[in-house]
Amino acid sequence: MSLKVKAFILQLISFATLFIIVRYLLANYTNLEGMWISITAFVLGTILAPQFQAVKTKEGDKMFMKWIFMKDVKEIK
């Protein structure tokens, strides 16, 4: 499996996890109704989920992660 596919899968898993958690919390602890729960969960999940990217460098392919709660970009692989 290529690093681009792994980066995509990691990003999808992290977004989906945050989306489900935020959607559950919004549905149970706020007064939002209908599609606003899903829209708000989508926006928050998009902002809070870490971003993964596969890059070709001189040393070979590497994967990097950037997250809103971290100051710098972290090399994964």
PDB file of N, CA and C in Angstrom:
ATOM      1  N   MET A   1       0.847  -1.169   0.000  1.00  0.00           N
ATOM      2  CA  MET A   1       0.000   0.000   0.000  1.00  0.00           C
ATOM      3  C   MET A   1       0.898   1.238   0.000  1.00  0.00           C
ATOM      4  N   SER A   2       0.601   2.189  -0.857  1.00  0.00           N
ATOM      5  CA  SER A   2       1.433   3.384  -0.968  1.00  0.00           C
ATOM      6  C   SER A   2       1.162   4.337   0.205  1.00  0.00           C
ATOM      7  N   LEU A   3       2.096   5.248   0.413  1.00  0.00           N
ATOM      8  CA  LEU A   3       1.950   6.203   1.508  1.00  0.00           C
ATOM      9  C   LEU A   3       0.793   7.168   1.274  1.00  0.00           C
ATOM     10  N   LYS A   4       0.495   7.471   0.016  1.00  0.00           N
ATOM     11  CA  LYS A   4      -0.639   8.354  -0.271  1.00  0.00           C
ATOM     12  C   LYS A   4      -1.943   7.707   0.171  1.00  0.00           C
ATOM     13  N   VAL A   5      -2.073   6.417  -0.062  1.00  0.00           N
ATOM     14  CA  VAL A   5      -3.282   5.701   0.348  1.00  0.00           C
ATOM     15  C   VAL A   5      -3.356   5.638   1.869  1.00  0.00           C
ATOM     16  N   LYS A   6      -2.221   5.370   2.533  1.00  0.00           N
ATOM     17  CA  LYS A   6      -2.199   5.334   3.990  1.00  0.00           C
ATOM     18  C   LYS A   6      -2.557   6.693   4.575  1.00  0.00           C
ATOM     19  N   ALA A   7      -2.045   7.765   3.982  1.00  0.00           N
ATOM     20  CA  ALA A   7      -2.359   9.108   4.459  1.00  0.00           C
ATOM     21  C   ALA A   7      -3.851   9.386   4.313  1.00  0.00           C
ATOM     22  N   PHE A   8      -4.427   8.985   3.183  1.00  0.00           N
ATOM     23  CA  PHE A   8      -5.856   9.175   2.962  1.00  0.00           C
ATOM     24  C   PHE A   8      -6.679   8.392   3.975  1.00  0.00           C
ATOM     25  N   ILE A   9      -6.305   7.153   4.223  1.00  0.00           N
ATOM     26  CA  ILE A   9      -7.041   6.311   5.172  1.00  0.00           C
ATOM     27  C   ILE A   9      -6.938   6.877   6.582  1.00  0.00           C
ATOM     28  N   LEU A  10      -5.743   7.308   6.990  1.00  0.00           N
ATOM     29  CA  LEU A  10      -5.576   7.895   8.321  1.00  0.00           C
ATOM     30  C   LEU A  10      -6.403   9.165   8.469  1.00  0.00           C
ATOM     31  N   GLN A  11      -6.424   9.985   7.444  1.00  0.00           N
ATOM     32  CA  GLN A  11      -7.206  11.217   7.494  1.00  0.00           C
ATOM     33  C   GLN A  11      -8.692  10.899   7.561  1.00  0.00           C
ATOM     34  N   LEU A  12      -9.134   9.924   6.809  1.00  0.00           N
ATOM     35  CA  LEU A  12     -10.544   9.526   6.816  1.00  0.00           C
ATOM     36  C   LEU A  12     -10.950   8.975   8.182  1.00  0.00           C
ATOM     37  N   ILE A  13     -10.112   8.128   8.764  1.00  0.00           N
ATOM     38  CA  ILE A  13     -10.417   7.546  10.071  1.00  0.00           C
ATOM     39  C   ILE A  13     -10.468   8.622  11.150  1.00  0.00           C
ATOM     40  N   SER A  14      -9.498   9.541  11.126  1.00  0.00           N
ATOM     41  CA  SER A  14      -9.480  10.584  12.149  1.00  0.00           C
ATOM     42  C   SER A  14     -10.690  11.511  12.007  1.00  0.00           C
ATOM     43  N   PHE A  15     -11.055  11.877  10.778  1.00  0.00           N
ATOM     44  CA  PHE A  15     -12.232  12.717  10.575  1.00  0.00           C
ATOM     45  C   PHE A  15     -13.501  11.990  11.008  1.00  0.00           C
ATOM     46  N   ALA A  16     -13.642  10.729  10.602  1.00  0.00           N
ATOM     47  CA  ALA A  16     -14.857   9.982  10.923  1.00  0.00           C
ATOM     48  C   ALA A  16     -15.021   9.813  12.429  1.00  0.00           C
ATOM     49  N   THR A  17     -13.926   9.553  13.116  1.00  0.00           N
ATOM     50  CA  THR A  17     -13.986   9.397  14.571  1.00  0.00           C
ATOM     51  C   THR A  17     -14.435  10.695  15.230  1.00  0.00           C
ATOM     52  N   LEU A  18     -13.812  11.792  14.840  1.00  0.00           N
ATOM     53  CA  LEU A  18     -14.205  13.082  15.414  1.00  0.00           C
ATOM     54  C   LEU A  18     -15.631  13.458  15.035  1.00  0.00           C
ATOM     55  N   PHE A  19     -16.028  13.190  13.811  1.00  0.00           N
ATOM     56  CA  PHE A  19     -17.388  13.502  13.369  1.00  0.00           C
ATOM     57  C   PHE A  19     -18.415  12.758  14.216  1.00  0.00           C
ATOM     58  N   ILE A  20     -18.201  11.477  14.438  1.00  0.00           N
ATOM     59  CA  ILE A  20     -19.159  10.678  15.211  1.00  0.00           C
ATOM     60  C   ILE A  20     -19.220  11.157  16.657  1.00  0.00           C
ATOM     61  N   ILE A  21     -18.073  11.426  17.252  1.00  0.00           N
ATOM     62  CA  ILE A  21     -18.048  11.898  18.643  1.00  0.00           C
ATOM     63  C   ILE A  21     -18.738  13.252  18.770  1.00  0.00           C
ATOM     64  N   VAL A  22     -18.394  14.191  17.888  1.00  0.00           N
ATOM     65  CA  VAL A  22     -18.981  15.530  17.954  1.00  0.00           C
ATOM     66  C   VAL A  22     -20.476  15.475  17.658  1.00  0.00           C
ATOM     67  N   ARG A  23     -20.876  14.656  16.706  1.00  0.00           N
ATOM     68  CA  ARG A  23     -22.304  14.549  16.379  1.00  0.00           C
ATOM     69  C   ARG A  23     -23.099  14.010  17.564  1.00  0.00           C
ATOM     70  N   TYR A  24     -22.553  13.017  18.236  1.00  0.00           N
ATOM     71  CA  TYR A  24     -23.221  12.460  19.421  1.00  0.00           C
ATOM     72  C   TYR A  24     -23.345  13.519  20.518  1.00  0.00           C
ATOM     73  N   LEU A  25     -22.248  14.241  20.778  1.00  0.00           N
ATOM     74  CA  LEU A  25     -22.266  15.270  21.814  1.00  0.00           C
ATOM     75  C   LEU A  25     -23.241  16.401  21.471  1.00  0.00           C
ATOM     76  N   LEU A  26     -23.263  16.819  20.215  1.00  0.00           N
ATOM     77  CA  LEU A  26     -24.188  17.873  19.802  1.00  0.00           C
ATOM     78  C   LEU A  26     -25.641  17.433  19.908  1.00  0.00           C
ATOM     79  N   ALA A  27     -25.910  16.196  19.529  1.00  0.00           N
ATOM     80  CA  ALA A  27     -27.285  15.693  19.563  1.00  0.00           C
ATOM     81  C   ALA A  27     -27.809  15.591  20.995  1.00  0.00           C
ATOM     82  N   ASN A  28     -26.928  15.235  21.918  1.00  0.00           N
ATOM     83  CA  ASN A  28     -27.392  15.004  23.281  1.00  0.00           C
ATOM     84  C   ASN A  28     -27.273  16.216  24.200  1.00  0.00           C
ATOM     85  N   TYR A  29     -26.379  17.146  23.898  1.00  0.00           N
ATOM     86  CA  TYR A  29     -26.110  18.221  24.854  1.00  0.00           C
ATOM     87  C   TYR A  29     -26.342  19.631  24.319  1.00  0.00           C
ATOM     88  N   THR A  30     -26.921  19.771  23.136  1.00  0.00           N
ATOM     89  CA  THR A  30     -27.256  21.102  22.614  1.00  0.00           C
ATOM     90  C   THR A  30     -28.707  21.108  22.148  1.00  0.00           C
ATOM     91  N   ASN A  31     -29.168  22.278  21.782  1.00  0.00           N
ATOM     92  CA  ASN A  31     -30.544  22.421  21.294  1.00  0.00           C
ATOM     93  C   ASN A  31     -30.620  22.386  19.771  1.00  0.00           C
ATOM     94  N   LEU A  32     -29.547  21.995  19.107  1.00  0.00           N
ATOM     95  CA  LEU A  32     -29.570  21.912  17.648  1.00  0.00           C
ATOM     96  C   LEU A  32     -30.500  20.791  17.207  1.00  0.00           C
ATOM     97  N   GLU A  33     -31.140  20.998  16.063  1.00  0.00           N
ATOM     98  CA  GLU A  33     -32.064  19.994  15.538  1.00  0.00           C
ATOM     99  C   GLU A  33     -31.822  19.759  14.062  1.00  0.00           C
ATOM    100  N   GLY A  34     -32.222  18.601  13.601  1.00  0.00           N
ATOM    101  CA  GLY A  34     -32.194  18.279  12.182  1.00  0.00           C
ATOM    102  C   GLY A  34     -30.799  18.235  11.594  1.00  0.00           C
ATOM    103  N   MET A  35     -30.699  18.819  10.398  1.00  0.00           N
ATOM    104  CA  MET A  35     -29.434  18.752   9.671  1.00  0.00           C
ATOM    105  C   MET A  35     -28.349  19.620  10.291  1.00  0.00           C
ATOM    106  N   TRP A  36     -28.708  20.554  11.178  1.00  0.00           N
ATOM    107  CA  TRP A  36     -27.710  21.430  11.795  1.00  0.00           C
ATOM    108  C   TRP A  36     -26.742  20.652  12.678  1.00  0.00           C
ATOM    109  N   ILE A  37     -27.198  19.552  13.233  1.00  0.00           N
ATOM    110  CA  ILE A  37     -26.301  18.698  14.028  1.00  0.00           C
ATOM    111  C   ILE A  37     -25.201  18.148  13.134  1.00  0.00           C
ATOM    112  N   SER A  38     -25.581  17.599  11.985  1.00  0.00           N
ATOM    113  CA  SER A  38     -24.603  17.021  11.060  1.00  0.00           C
ATOM    114  C   SER A  38     -23.693  18.078  10.441  1.00  0.00           C
ATOM    115  N   ILE A  39     -24.243  19.220  10.085  1.00  0.00           N
ATOM    116  CA  ILE A  39     -23.435  20.287   9.479  1.00  0.00           C
ATOM    117  C   ILE A  39     -22.403  20.797  10.473  1.00  0.00           C
ATOM    118  N   THR A  40     -22.821  21.036  11.704  1.00  0.00           N
ATOM    119  CA  THR A  40     -21.903  21.516  12.733  1.00  0.00           C
ATOM    120  C   THR A  40     -20.842  20.475  13.046  1.00  0.00           C
ATOM    121  N   ALA A  41     -21.228  19.211  13.125  1.00  0.00           N
ATOM    122  CA  ALA A  41     -20.262  18.136  13.370  1.00  0.00           C
ATOM    123  C   ALA A  41     -19.267  18.020  12.217  1.00  0.00           C
ATOM    124  N   PHE A  42     -19.738  18.213  10.988  1.00  0.00           N
ATOM    125  CA  PHE A  42     -18.857  18.166   9.825  1.00  0.00           C
ATOM    126  C   PHE A  42     -17.816  19.279   9.880  1.00  0.00           C
ATOM    127  N   VAL A  43     -18.256  20.492  10.165  1.00  0.00           N
ATOM    128  CA  VAL A  43     -17.334  21.631  10.223  1.00  0.00           C
ATOM    129  C   VAL A  43     -16.321  21.451  11.344  1.00  0.00           C
ATOM    130  N   LEU A  44     -16.783  21.070  12.523  1.00  0.00           N
ATOM    131  CA  LEU A  44     -15.862  20.864  13.640  1.00  0.00           C
ATOM    132  C   LEU A  44     -14.912  19.695  13.380  1.00  0.00           C
ATOM    133  N   GLY A  45     -15.416  18.627  12.795  1.00  0.00           N
ATOM    134  CA  GLY A  45     -14.557  17.494  12.462  1.00  0.00           C
ATOM    135  C   GLY A  45     -13.494  17.856  11.446  1.00  0.00           C
ATOM    136  N   THR A  46     -13.858  18.670  10.469  1.00  0.00           N
ATOM    137  CA  THR A  46     -12.904  19.114   9.461  1.00  0.00           C
ATOM    138  C   THR A  46     -11.813  19.986  10.074  1.00  0.00           C
ATOM    139  N   ILE A  47     -12.193  20.871  10.972  1.00  0.00           N
ATOM    140  CA  ILE A  47     -11.218  21.768  11.599  1.00  0.00           C
ATOM    141  C   ILE A  47     -10.327  21.029  12.584  1.00  0.00           C
ATOM    142  N   LEU A  48     -10.898  20.136  13.381  1.00  0.00           N
ATOM    143  CA  LEU A  48     -10.154  19.491  14.463  1.00  0.00           C
ATOM    144  C   LEU A  48      -9.362  18.254  14.044  1.00  0.00           C
ATOM    145  N   ALA A  49      -9.691  17.651  12.926  1.00  0.00           N
ATOM    146  CA  ALA A  49      -8.999  16.426  12.501  1.00  0.00           C
ATOM    147  C   ALA A  49      -7.578  16.747  12.016  1.00  0.00           C
ATOM    148  N   PRO A  50      -6.623  15.886  12.353  1.00  0.00           N
ATOM    149  CA  PRO A  50      -5.263  16.103  11.850  1.00  0.00           C
ATOM    150  C   PRO A  50      -5.192  15.874  10.341  1.00  0.00           C
ATOM    151  N   GLN A  51      -4.269  16.578   9.706  1.00  0.00           N
ATOM    152  CA  GLN A  51      -4.083  16.475   8.257  1.00  0.00           C
ATOM    153  C   GLN A  51      -2.839  15.633   7.971  1.00  0.00           C
ATOM    154  N   PHE A  52      -2.983  14.626   7.137  1.00  0.00           N
ATOM    155  CA  PHE A  52      -1.874  13.755   6.756  1.00  0.00           C
ATOM    156  C   PHE A  52      -1.545  13.992   5.292  1.00  0.00           C
ATOM    157  N   GLN A  53      -0.238  13.936   4.972  1.00  0.00           N
ATOM    158  CA  GLN A  53       0.173  14.134   3.591  1.00  0.00           C
ATOM    159  C   GLN A  53       1.428  13.322   3.314  1.00  0.00           C
ATOM    160  N   ALA A  54       1.441  12.662   2.165  1.00  0.00           N
ATOM    161  CA  ALA A  54       2.608  11.916   1.706  1.00  0.00           C
ATOM    162  C   ALA A  54       3.372  12.786   0.711  1.00  0.00           C
ATOM    163  N   VAL A  55       4.695  12.895   0.923  1.00  0.00           N
ATOM    164  CA  VAL A  55       5.530  13.771   0.101  1.00  0.00           C
ATOM    165  C   VAL A  55       6.754  12.986  -0.360  1.00  0.00           C
ATOM    166  N   LYS A  56       7.131  13.210  -1.625  1.00  0.00           N
ATOM    167  CA  LYS A  56       8.366  12.624  -2.132  1.00  0.00           C
ATOM    168  C   LYS A  56       9.504  13.593  -1.836  1.00  0.00           C
ATOM    169  N   THR A  57      10.527  13.108  -1.142  1.00  0.00           N
ATOM    170  CA  THR A  57      11.698  13.923  -0.825  1.00  0.00           C
ATOM    171  C   THR A  57      12.935  13.273  -1.434  1.00  0.00           C
ATOM    172  N   LYS A  58      14.070  13.890  -1.240  1.00  0.00           N
ATOM    173  CA  LYS A  58      15.315  13.323  -1.757  1.00  0.00           C
ATOM    174  C   LYS A  58      15.654  11.998  -1.082  1.00  0.00           C
ATOM    175  N   GLU A  59      15.253  11.851   0.179  1.00  0.00           N
ATOM    176  CA  GLU A  59      15.516  10.608   0.912  1.00  0.00           C
ATOM    177  C   GLU A  59      14.485   9.519   0.615  1.00  0.00           C
ATOM    178  N   GLY A  60      13.424   9.843  -0.080  1.00  0.00           N
ATOM    179  CA  GLY A  60      12.361   8.881  -0.393  1.00  0.00           C
ATOM    180  C   GLY A  60      11.010   9.429   0.027  1.00  0.00           C
ATOM    181  N   ASP A  61      10.010   8.581  -0.021  1.00  0.00           N
ATOM    182  CA  ASP A  61       8.661   8.993   0.363  1.00  0.00           C
ATOM    183  C   ASP A  61       8.556   9.111   1.877  1.00  0.00           C
ATOM    184  N   LYS A  62       7.902  10.181   2.333  1.00  0.00           N
ATOM    185  CA  LYS A  62       7.691  10.396   3.757  1.00  0.00           C
ATOM    186  C   LYS A  62       6.270  10.873   3.982  1.00  0.00           C
ATOM    187  N   MET A  63       5.761  10.576   5.188  1.00  0.00           N
ATOM    188  CA  MET A  63       4.426  11.007   5.551  1.00  0.00           C
ATOM    189  C   MET A  63       4.534  12.035   6.678  1.00  0.00           C
ATOM    190  N   PHE A  64       3.764  13.107   6.547  1.00  0.00           N
ATOM    191  CA  PHE A  64       3.774  14.169   7.533  1.00  0.00           C
ATOM    192  C   PHE A  64       2.369  14.389   8.070  1.00  0.00           C
ATOM    193  N   MET A  65       2.307  14.880   9.316  1.00  0.00           N
ATOM    194  CA  MET A  65       1.030  15.171   9.945  1.00  0.00           C
ATOM    195  C   MET A  65       1.060  16.583  10.508  1.00  0.00           C
ATOM    196  N   LYS A  66      -0.010  17.320  10.273  1.00  0.00           N
ATOM    197  CA  LYS A  66      -0.175  18.643  10.853  1.00  0.00           C
ATOM    198  C   LYS A  66      -1.506  18.651  11.588  1.00  0.00           C
ATOM    199  N   TRP A  67      -1.465  19.205  12.804  1.00  0.00           N
ATOM    200  CA  TRP A  67      -2.670  19.230  13.617  1.00  0.00           C
ATOM    201  C   TRP A  67      -2.798  20.587  14.251  1.00  0.00           C
ATOM    202  N   ILE A  68      -4.011  21.039  14.460  1.00  0.00           N
ATOM    203  CA  ILE A  68      -4.262  22.362  15.001  1.00  0.00           C
ATOM    204  C   ILE A  68      -3.691  22.512  16.413  1.00  0.00           C
ATOM    205  N   PHE A  69      -3.546  21.412  17.145  1.00  0.00           N
ATOM    206  CA  PHE A  69      -3.055  21.451  18.517  1.00  0.00           C
ATOM    207  C   PHE A  69      -1.538  21.290  18.614  1.00  0.00           C
ATOM    208  N   MET A  70      -0.859  21.139  17.479  1.00  0.00           N
ATOM    209  CA  MET A  70       0.603  21.012  17.453  1.00  0.00           C
ATOM    210  C   MET A  70       1.173  22.219  16.715  1.00  0.00           C
ATOM    211  N   LYS A  71       2.322  22.691  17.205  1.00  0.00           N
ATOM    212  CA  LYS A  71       2.930  23.876  16.615  1.00  0.00           C
ATOM    213  C   LYS A  71       3.575  23.591  15.263  1.00  0.00           C
ATOM    214  N   ASP A  72       4.253  22.478  15.147  1.00  0.00           N
ATOM    215  CA  ASP A  72       4.995  22.187  13.928  1.00  0.00           C
ATOM    216  C   ASP A  72       4.469  20.941  13.232  1.00  0.00           C
ATOM    217  N   VAL A  73       4.999  20.688  12.060  1.00  0.00           N
ATOM    218  CA  VAL A  73       4.644  19.507  11.277  1.00  0.00           C
ATOM    219  C   VAL A  73       5.471  18.332  11.793  1.00  0.00           C
ATOM    220  N   LYS A  74       4.808  17.185  12.001  1.00  0.00           N
ATOM    221  CA  LYS A  74       5.487  16.014  12.532  1.00  0.00           C
ATOM    222  C   LYS A  74       5.650  14.970  11.425  1.00  0.00           C
ATOM    223  N   GLU A  75       6.868  14.413  11.343  1.00  0.00           N
ATOM    224  CA  GLU A  75       7.124  13.361  10.365  1.00  0.00           C
ATOM    225  C   GLU A  75       6.662  12.036  10.942  1.00  0.00           C
ATOM    226  N   ILE A  76       5.805  11.340  10.222  1.00  0.00           N
ATOM    227  CA  ILE A  76       5.263  10.065  10.665  1.00  0.00           C
ATOM    228  C   ILE A  76       6.127   8.903  10.182  1.00  0.00           C
ATOM    229  N   LYS A  77       6.400   8.898   8.893  1.00  0.00           N
ATOM    230  CA  LYS A  77       7.118   7.756   8.310  1.00  0.00           C
ATOM    231  C   LYS A  77       7.980   8.219   7.163  1.00  0.00           C
TER     232      LYS A  77
END
